[in-house]
Amino acid sequence: MIVSADGKLAAASKPGELGDRVSELTAQLFERAAGVDSQAVTQVEVTTGDGGVYAVRDERWTVGVVTGRFALSSLMFYDLRSVLGDLESKGA
């Protein structure tokens, strides 16, 4: 899912209620992480035995994914940051 700085869902693999819910939960992850760390939080990762959530953000966009349990953190963050870079370079 991709969310703009104003909180609007810009893209989702499951648009509608499910996409909105994933967007809300991702925003909550960033809020909770910010409450723990005094520095700006630009990425979050939560994993369970069943899967994971990975998300990155900058001033304009938040990009997040839900994965199966065998996703590689480094690859997920690389890909998500690439998407952020593409969004910025295209002036989306």
Foldseek 3Di string as FASTA:
>chain_A
DKAWLVGDDPDDPDDDPVSSVVSVVVVVQLVVVCVVDVDRDAWDWDADQFWIKIWGDDNTMIDIDIGGRPDDPVVVVVVRVVVVVVCVVVVD
